[in-house]
């Protein structure tokens, strides 16, 4: 039986050396980590083996919003933003920009939290993929979600 592939987490931050401890710690949970600056994320994305992108806490709110928007235009990779004591408006701005989840670091962020967030997003996306393949029938009405067809 083949071993399960190791998935990589891309950790993006404007000050990469500040996220080295996080990168080192996610390996305990079976992930590889690749640290890069915001302008280099696309070259680090490996389709099929990249589990998620974690955006480090050193990006300002507007930078995070525009960065998340750029990522969303080019990829559907799950994006988790780390923010130090974010305000509700900052969290909303990040989510509106395309971030999937925002975690408050408050200086005590653990690799376990990040990995748990990635696994939660993976579970949700697997659930959504299963639902898309369903066919719903009610009397003569038939809705094929996968094909996006409705017949009566």
N, C-alpha and C. Protein backbone atom coordinates (compact mmCIF):
# COMPACT_ATOMS: atom_id res chain seq x y z
N UNK A 1 0.84 -1.18 0.00
CA UNK A 1 0.00 0.00 0.00
C UNK A 1 0.89 1.25 0.00
N UNK A 2 0.60 2.17 -0.87
CA UNK A 2 1.42 3.38 -1.01
C UNK A 2 1.19 4.32 0.17
N UNK A 3 2.23 5.01 0.56
CA UNK A 3 2.12 5.98 1.65
C UNK A 3 1.32 7.18 1.17
N UNK A 4 0.60 7.78 2.11
CA UNK A 4 -0.18 8.98 1.77
C UNK A 4 0.79 10.11 1.44
N UNK A 5 0.52 10.90 0.39
CA UNK A 5 1.45 11.96 0.03
C UNK A 5 1.51 13.04 1.10
N UNK A 6 2.67 13.62 1.24
CA UNK A 6 2.83 14.72 2.19
C UNK A 6 2.36 15.99 1.50
N UNK A 7 1.46 16.69 2.16
CA UNK A 7 0.95 17.93 1.61
C UNK A 7 1.76 19.10 2.17
N UNK A 8 1.86 20.10 1.37
CA UNK A 8 2.65 21.27 1.73
C UNK A 8 1.75 22.44 2.11
N UNK A 9 2.16 23.17 3.10
CA UNK A 9 1.50 24.41 3.48
C UNK A 9 2.41 25.54 3.04
N UNK A 10 1.88 26.45 2.25
CA UNK A 10 2.65 27.63 1.86
C UNK A 10 2.39 28.69 2.93
N UNK A 11 3.44 29.17 3.54
CA UNK A 11 3.31 30.21 4.56
C UNK A 11 3.85 31.50 3.96
N UNK A 12 2.96 32.47 3.80
CA UNK A 12 3.30 33.73 3.14
C UNK A 12 3.37 34.84 4.19
N UNK A 13 4.45 35.57 4.18
CA UNK A 13 4.56 36.69 5.13
C UNK A 13 5.52 37.73 4.57
N UNK A 14 5.28 38.98 4.94
CA UNK A 14 6.18 40.05 4.51
C UNK A 14 7.51 39.99 5.26
N UNK A 15 7.53 39.32 6.40
CA UNK A 15 8.77 39.12 7.16
C UNK A 15 8.92 37.62 7.38
N UNK A 16 9.41 36.90 6.37
CA UNK A 16 9.44 35.44 6.41
C UNK A 16 10.13 34.83 7.63
N UNK A 17 11.18 35.47 8.13
CA UNK A 17 11.90 34.88 9.27
C UNK A 17 11.04 34.79 10.53
N UNK A 18 9.97 35.57 10.60
CA UNK A 18 9.10 35.52 11.79
C UNK A 18 8.17 34.31 11.81
N UNK A 19 8.01 33.64 10.69
CA UNK A 19 7.12 32.48 10.66
C UNK A 19 7.88 31.14 10.59
N UNK A 20 9.19 31.20 10.74
CA UNK A 20 10.01 29.97 10.72
C UNK A 20 9.57 28.99 11.81
N UNK A 21 9.32 29.43 13.06
CA UNK A 21 8.89 28.46 14.07
C UNK A 21 7.59 27.74 13.68
N UNK A 22 6.65 28.44 13.09
CA UNK A 22 5.41 27.81 12.64
C UNK A 22 5.71 26.77 11.57
N UNK A 23 6.56 27.13 10.61
CA UNK A 23 6.92 26.21 9.54
C UNK A 23 7.58 24.95 10.10
N UNK A 24 8.44 25.12 11.07
CA UNK A 24 9.11 23.96 11.67
C UNK A 24 8.13 23.08 12.42
N UNK A 25 7.15 23.69 13.07
CA UNK A 25 6.22 22.92 13.90
C UNK A 25 5.14 22.18 13.12
N UNK A 26 4.74 22.67 11.94
CA UNK A 26 3.68 21.96 11.19
C UNK A 26 4.18 20.61 10.69
N UNK A 27 5.49 20.43 10.61
CA UNK A 27 6.02 19.15 10.16
C UNK A 27 5.68 18.03 11.14
N UNK A 28 5.45 18.36 12.39
CA UNK A 28 5.06 17.35 13.39
C UNK A 28 3.71 16.72 13.08
N UNK A 29 2.92 17.41 12.25
CA UNK A 29 1.57 16.95 11.93
C UNK A 29 1.49 16.38 10.51
N UNK A 30 2.63 16.07 9.92
CA UNK A 30 2.65 15.41 8.63
C UNK A 30 2.62 16.33 7.42
N UNK A 31 2.82 17.62 7.62
CA UNK A 31 2.84 18.57 6.52
C UNK A 31 4.26 19.05 6.28
N UNK A 32 4.55 19.39 5.05
CA UNK A 32 5.78 20.11 4.74
C UNK A 32 5.41 21.59 4.73
N UNK A 33 6.38 22.46 4.88
CA UNK A 33 6.10 23.90 4.87
C UNK A 33 7.07 24.60 3.95
N UNK A 34 6.55 25.59 3.26
CA UNK A 34 7.35 26.39 2.34
C UNK A 34 7.04 27.85 2.66
N UNK A 35 8.05 28.60 3.04
CA UNK A 35 7.86 30.01 3.41
C UNK A 35 8.24 30.89 2.23
N UNK A 36 7.42 31.91 1.97
CA UNK A 36 7.75 32.84 0.89
C UNK A 36 7.14 34.21 1.16
N UNK A 37 7.58 35.17 0.37
CA UNK A 37 7.02 36.52 0.42
C UNK A 37 5.77 36.56 -0.44
N UNK A 38 4.88 37.55 -0.23
CA UNK A 38 3.63 37.61 -1.00
C UNK A 38 3.81 37.59 -2.51
N UNK A 39 4.84 38.19 -3.02
CA UNK A 39 5.02 38.25 -4.47
C UNK A 39 5.47 36.91 -5.08
N UNK A 40 5.86 35.95 -4.24
CA UNK A 40 6.38 34.67 -4.74
C UNK A 40 5.43 33.50 -4.58
N UNK A 41 4.22 33.71 -4.09
CA UNK A 41 3.34 32.59 -3.76
C UNK A 41 3.01 31.72 -4.96
N UNK A 42 2.78 32.31 -6.11
CA UNK A 42 2.33 31.54 -7.26
C UNK A 42 3.40 30.53 -7.70
N UNK A 43 4.66 30.90 -7.61
CA UNK A 43 5.72 29.98 -8.02
C UNK A 43 5.87 28.82 -7.03
N UNK A 44 5.31 28.95 -5.83
CA UNK A 44 5.42 27.89 -4.82
C UNK A 44 4.23 26.93 -4.84
N UNK A 45 3.19 27.31 -5.55
CA UNK A 45 1.98 26.50 -5.59
C UNK A 45 2.21 25.26 -6.44
N UNK A 46 2.04 24.10 -5.84
CA UNK A 46 2.18 22.84 -6.56
C UNK A 46 0.81 22.19 -6.54
N UNK A 47 0.16 22.16 -7.70
CA UNK A 47 -1.20 21.63 -7.77
C UNK A 47 -1.23 20.17 -7.33
N UNK A 48 -2.21 19.86 -6.51
CA UNK A 48 -2.38 18.50 -6.04
C UNK A 48 -1.62 18.17 -4.78
N UNK A 49 -0.58 18.91 -4.46
CA UNK A 49 0.15 18.60 -3.24
C UNK A 49 0.19 19.77 -2.26
N UNK A 50 -0.40 20.90 -2.62
CA UNK A 50 -0.44 22.02 -1.69
C UNK A 50 -1.77 21.99 -0.97
N UNK A 51 -1.73 21.84 0.35
CA UNK A 51 -2.95 21.71 1.14
C UNK A 51 -3.61 23.05 1.39
N UNK A 52 -2.81 24.06 1.68
CA UNK A 52 -3.38 25.37 2.02
C UNK A 52 -2.30 26.43 2.02
N UNK A 53 -2.76 27.66 2.07
CA UNK A 53 -1.86 28.80 2.21
C UNK A 53 -2.17 29.47 3.55
N UNK A 54 -1.14 29.75 4.30
CA UNK A 54 -1.29 30.46 5.56
C UNK A 54 -0.63 31.82 5.38
N UNK A 55 -1.38 32.87 5.62
CA UNK A 55 -0.85 34.22 5.47
C UNK A 55 -0.46 34.70 6.86
N UNK A 56 0.82 35.00 7.02
CA UNK A 56 1.36 35.38 8.32
C UNK A 56 0.80 36.67 8.87
N UNK A 57 1.04 36.89 10.16
CA UNK A 57 0.43 38.02 10.87
C UNK A 57 1.06 39.38 10.58
N UNK A 58 2.07 39.43 9.73
CA UNK A 58 2.75 40.71 9.52
C UNK A 58 2.22 41.51 8.33
N UNK A 59 1.14 41.05 7.72
CA UNK A 59 0.54 41.80 6.62
C UNK A 59 -0.55 42.70 7.17
N UNK A 60 -0.58 43.93 6.72
CA UNK A 60 -1.63 44.87 7.14
C UNK A 60 -2.96 44.47 6.51
N UNK A 61 -4.06 44.95 7.09
CA UNK A 61 -5.41 44.57 6.64
C UNK A 61 -5.64 44.79 5.16
N UNK A 62 -5.32 45.97 4.66
CA UNK A 62 -5.57 46.25 3.24
C UNK A 62 -4.67 45.40 2.35
N UNK A 63 -3.42 45.19 2.78
CA UNK A 63 -2.53 44.33 2.01
C UNK A 63 -3.09 42.91 1.97
N UNK A 64 -3.59 42.44 3.09
CA UNK A 64 -4.16 41.10 3.17
C UNK A 64 -5.37 41.00 2.26
N UNK A 65 -6.23 42.01 2.26
CA UNK A 65 -7.43 42.00 1.43
C UNK A 65 -7.05 41.92 -0.04
N UNK A 66 -6.14 42.78 -0.49
CA UNK A 66 -5.76 42.78 -1.91
C UNK A 66 -5.00 41.50 -2.26
N UNK A 67 -4.18 40.99 -1.34
CA UNK A 67 -3.47 39.74 -1.59
C UNK A 67 -4.45 38.58 -1.73
N UNK A 68 -5.42 38.49 -0.82
CA UNK A 68 -6.41 37.42 -0.87
C UNK A 68 -7.22 37.49 -2.16
N UNK A 69 -7.54 38.70 -2.58
CA UNK A 69 -8.27 38.88 -3.83
C UNK A 69 -7.46 38.36 -5.02
N UNK A 70 -6.18 38.67 -5.03
CA UNK A 70 -5.29 38.19 -6.11
C UNK A 70 -5.23 36.67 -6.12
N UNK A 71 -5.09 36.07 -4.93
CA UNK A 71 -5.04 34.61 -4.84
C UNK A 71 -6.32 34.01 -5.38
N UNK A 72 -7.47 34.56 -4.99
CA UNK A 72 -8.77 34.04 -5.42
C UNK A 72 -8.95 34.13 -6.93
N UNK A 73 -8.36 35.13 -7.56
CA UNK A 73 -8.48 35.26 -9.01
C UNK A 73 -7.70 34.16 -9.74
N UNK A 74 -6.69 33.60 -9.07
CA UNK A 74 -5.83 32.64 -9.74
C UNK A 74 -5.90 31.22 -9.19
N UNK A 75 -6.51 31.04 -8.02
CA UNK A 75 -6.49 29.72 -7.39
C UNK A 75 -7.65 29.58 -6.41
N UNK A 76 -8.02 28.33 -6.15
CA UNK A 76 -9.03 28.09 -5.11
C UNK A 76 -8.40 27.44 -3.88
N UNK A 77 -7.09 27.58 -3.73
CA UNK A 77 -6.39 27.05 -2.57
C UNK A 77 -6.99 27.65 -1.29
N UNK A 78 -7.20 26.84 -0.27
CA UNK A 78 -7.69 27.39 0.99
C UNK A 78 -6.68 28.39 1.58
N UNK A 79 -7.18 29.52 2.05
CA UNK A 79 -6.32 30.56 2.61
C UNK A 79 -6.73 30.81 4.06
N UNK A 80 -5.76 30.69 4.96
CA UNK A 80 -5.97 30.97 6.37
C UNK A 80 -5.11 32.16 6.73
N UNK A 81 -5.74 33.19 7.27
CA UNK A 81 -5.00 34.39 7.66
C UNK A 81 -4.75 34.36 9.16
N UNK A 82 -3.54 34.73 9.53
CA UNK A 82 -3.17 34.86 10.93
C UNK A 82 -3.11 36.35 11.24
N UNK A 83 -3.77 36.76 12.29
CA UNK A 83 -3.80 38.18 12.61
C UNK A 83 -3.64 38.36 14.11
N UNK A 84 -2.86 39.34 14.48
CA UNK A 84 -2.64 39.64 15.88
C UNK A 84 -3.76 40.56 16.37
N UNK A 85 -4.62 40.04 17.23
CA UNK A 85 -5.74 40.78 17.81
C UNK A 85 -6.54 41.53 16.74
N UNK A 86 -7.11 40.82 15.76
CA UNK A 86 -7.86 41.50 14.70
C UNK A 86 -9.19 42.05 15.22
N UNK A 87 -9.57 43.19 14.69
CA UNK A 87 -10.88 43.74 15.02
C UNK A 87 -11.92 43.00 14.19
N UNK A 88 -13.19 43.08 14.58
CA UNK A 88 -14.23 42.45 13.75
C UNK A 88 -14.22 42.97 12.31
N UNK A 89 -13.93 44.26 12.12
CA UNK A 89 -13.87 44.81 10.76
C UNK A 89 -12.70 44.22 9.97
N UNK A 90 -11.57 44.01 10.62
CA UNK A 90 -10.42 43.42 9.93
C UNK A 90 -10.72 41.98 9.51
N UNK A 91 -11.39 41.23 10.37
CA UNK A 91 -11.76 39.85 10.04
C UNK A 91 -12.73 39.85 8.86
N UNK A 92 -13.74 40.74 8.92
CA UNK A 92 -14.71 40.82 7.83
C UNK A 92 -14.03 41.20 6.52
N UNK A 93 -13.11 42.14 6.56
CA UNK A 93 -12.39 42.56 5.36
C UNK A 93 -11.59 41.40 4.77
N UNK A 94 -10.93 40.63 5.63
CA UNK A 94 -10.16 39.47 5.17
C UNK A 94 -11.07 38.44 4.51
N UNK A 95 -12.20 38.14 5.16
CA UNK A 95 -13.13 37.16 4.61
C UNK A 95 -13.73 37.64 3.29
N UNK A 96 -14.07 38.92 3.21
CA UNK A 96 -14.60 39.48 1.97
C UNK A 96 -13.58 39.45 0.84
N UNK A 97 -12.30 39.55 1.20
CA UNK A 97 -11.25 39.52 0.19
C UNK A 97 -10.98 38.14 -0.36
N UNK A 98 -11.41 37.09 0.36
CA UNK A 98 -11.21 35.73 -0.13
C UNK A 98 -10.56 34.78 0.84
N UNK A 99 -10.25 35.25 2.04
CA UNK A 99 -9.68 34.37 3.06
C UNK A 99 -10.77 33.41 3.52
N UNK A 100 -10.41 32.14 3.74
CA UNK A 100 -11.39 31.15 4.18
C UNK A 100 -11.58 31.15 5.69
N UNK A 101 -10.51 31.49 6.41
CA UNK A 101 -10.57 31.47 7.86
C UNK A 101 -9.54 32.45 8.40
N UNK A 102 -9.90 33.11 9.49
CA UNK A 102 -8.98 34.06 10.12
C UNK A 102 -8.75 33.62 11.56
N UNK A 103 -7.49 33.37 11.92
CA UNK A 103 -7.15 32.95 13.27
C UNK A 103 -6.42 34.08 13.99
N UNK A 104 -6.86 34.37 15.21
CA UNK A 104 -6.18 35.39 16.02
C UNK A 104 -4.96 34.75 16.65
N UNK A 105 -3.82 35.38 16.50
CA UNK A 105 -2.59 34.80 17.02
C UNK A 105 -2.33 35.22 18.46
N UNK A 106 -2.51 36.47 18.76
CA UNK A 106 -2.25 37.00 20.11
C UNK A 106 -0.92 36.50 20.66
N UNK A 107 0.02 36.23 19.77
CA UNK A 107 1.35 35.79 20.18
C UNK A 107 1.44 34.34 20.59
N UNK A 108 0.32 33.61 20.61
CA UNK A 108 0.33 32.23 21.09
C UNK A 108 -0.18 31.23 20.07
N UNK A 109 -0.03 31.52 18.82
CA UNK A 109 -0.55 30.62 17.79
C UNK A 109 0.23 29.32 17.78
N UNK A 110 -0.50 28.23 17.71
CA UNK A 110 0.18 26.94 17.66
C UNK A 110 0.03 26.33 16.27
N UNK A 111 0.98 25.49 15.92
CA UNK A 111 0.91 24.77 14.66
C UNK A 111 -0.32 23.87 14.67
N UNK A 112 -0.67 23.37 15.83
CA UNK A 112 -1.85 22.50 15.94
C UNK A 112 -3.12 23.24 15.50
N UNK A 113 -3.25 24.51 15.89
CA UNK A 113 -4.41 25.32 15.47
C UNK A 113 -4.45 25.44 13.95
N UNK A 114 -3.33 25.74 13.36
CA UNK A 114 -3.26 25.93 11.91
C UNK A 114 -3.62 24.62 11.20
N UNK A 115 -3.06 23.51 11.64
CA UNK A 115 -3.34 22.22 11.03
C UNK A 115 -4.81 21.86 11.21
N UNK A 116 -5.37 22.12 12.39
CA UNK A 116 -6.79 21.84 12.63
C UNK A 116 -7.67 22.67 11.69
N UNK A 117 -7.29 23.92 11.46
CA UNK A 117 -8.05 24.78 10.55
C UNK A 117 -7.98 24.25 9.12
N UNK A 118 -6.80 23.80 8.70
CA UNK A 118 -6.64 23.24 7.35
C UNK A 118 -7.50 21.98 7.21
N UNK A 119 -7.47 21.14 8.21
CA UNK A 119 -8.27 19.91 8.13
C UNK A 119 -9.77 20.20 8.14
N UNK A 120 -10.18 21.23 8.86
CA UNK A 120 -11.60 21.62 8.86
C UNK A 120 -12.03 22.10 7.48
N UNK A 121 -11.19 22.89 6.84
CA UNK A 121 -11.49 23.37 5.48
C UNK A 121 -11.52 22.19 4.51
N UNK A 122 -10.59 21.25 4.65
CA UNK A 122 -10.58 20.07 3.78
C UNK A 122 -11.86 19.25 3.95
N UNK A 123 -12.32 19.07 5.20
CA UNK A 123 -13.56 18.32 5.43
C UNK A 123 -14.73 19.01 4.76
N UNK A 124 -14.79 20.32 4.89
CA UNK A 124 -15.89 21.08 4.30
C UNK A 124 -15.86 20.97 2.77
N UNK A 125 -14.68 21.05 2.18
CA UNK A 125 -14.60 20.98 0.72
C UNK A 125 -14.93 19.57 0.23
N UNK A 126 -14.57 18.53 0.97
CA UNK A 126 -14.94 17.16 0.59
C UNK A 126 -16.45 16.99 0.68
N UNK A 127 -17.08 17.55 1.69
CA UNK A 127 -18.53 17.49 1.84
C UNK A 127 -19.19 18.18 0.66
N UNK A 128 -18.69 19.35 0.28
CA UNK A 128 -19.28 20.09 -0.84
C UNK A 128 -19.10 19.34 -2.16
N UNK A 129 -17.97 18.66 -2.36
CA UNK A 129 -17.77 17.89 -3.58
C UNK A 129 -18.75 16.72 -3.65
N UNK A 130 -19.01 16.07 -2.51
CA UNK A 130 -19.97 14.98 -2.50
C UNK A 130 -21.37 15.48 -2.84
N UNK A 131 -21.72 16.63 -2.32
CA UNK A 131 -23.06 17.17 -2.57
C UNK A 131 -23.25 17.54 -4.04
N UNK A 132 -22.21 17.99 -4.71
CA UNK A 132 -22.33 18.42 -6.10
C UNK A 132 -22.71 17.24 -7.00
N UNK A 133 -22.32 16.04 -6.65
CA UNK A 133 -22.60 14.89 -7.50
C UNK A 133 -24.02 14.36 -7.33
N UNK A 134 -24.79 14.94 -6.45
CA UNK A 134 -26.14 14.45 -6.18
C UNK A 134 -27.14 14.84 -7.26
N UNK A 135 -28.14 13.97 -7.38
CA UNK A 135 -29.30 14.25 -8.22
C UNK A 135 -30.49 14.31 -7.28
N UNK A 136 -31.25 15.39 -7.35
CA UNK A 136 -32.42 15.56 -6.49
C UNK A 136 -33.66 15.36 -7.35
N UNK A 137 -34.56 14.52 -6.85
CA UNK A 137 -35.80 14.27 -7.58
C UNK A 137 -36.99 14.50 -6.65
N UNK A 138 -37.98 15.20 -7.17
CA UNK A 138 -39.22 15.43 -6.45
C UNK A 138 -40.35 15.35 -7.47
N UNK A 139 -41.06 14.24 -7.45
CA UNK A 139 -42.10 14.04 -8.46
C UNK A 139 -41.46 14.02 -9.84
N UNK A 140 -42.02 14.79 -10.78
CA UNK A 140 -41.45 14.82 -12.13
C UNK A 140 -40.21 15.74 -12.25
N UNK A 141 -39.92 16.49 -11.19
CA UNK A 141 -38.78 17.42 -11.22
C UNK A 141 -37.49 16.67 -10.91
N UNK A 142 -36.47 16.88 -11.75
CA UNK A 142 -35.16 16.26 -11.55
C UNK A 142 -34.09 17.34 -11.67
N UNK A 143 -33.25 17.44 -10.63
CA UNK A 143 -32.17 18.44 -10.62
C UNK A 143 -30.85 17.68 -10.51
N UNK A 144 -30.03 17.80 -11.52
CA UNK A 144 -28.69 17.18 -11.53
C UNK A 144 -27.71 18.30 -11.23
N UNK A 145 -27.21 18.31 -9.97
CA UNK A 145 -26.31 19.39 -9.54
C UNK A 145 -24.96 19.35 -10.26
N UNK A 146 -24.45 18.15 -10.52
CA UNK A 146 -23.16 18.03 -11.18
C UNK A 146 -23.21 18.57 -12.60
N UNK A 147 -24.30 18.26 -13.30
CA UNK A 147 -24.44 18.72 -14.69
C UNK A 147 -25.10 20.09 -14.80
N UNK A 148 -25.66 20.54 -13.69
CA UNK A 148 -26.37 21.82 -13.65
C UNK A 148 -27.54 21.80 -14.62
N UNK A 149 -28.33 20.69 -14.54
CA UNK A 149 -29.48 20.51 -15.40
C UNK A 149 -30.73 20.33 -14.57
N UNK A 150 -31.81 20.92 -15.03
CA UNK A 150 -33.11 20.74 -14.40
C UNK A 150 -34.06 20.24 -15.49
N UNK A 151 -34.74 19.13 -15.20
CA UNK A 151 -35.71 18.61 -16.16
C UNK A 151 -37.04 18.40 -15.44
N UNK A 152 -38.09 18.55 -16.20
CA UNK A 152 -39.44 18.40 -15.66
C UNK A 152 -40.23 17.42 -16.48
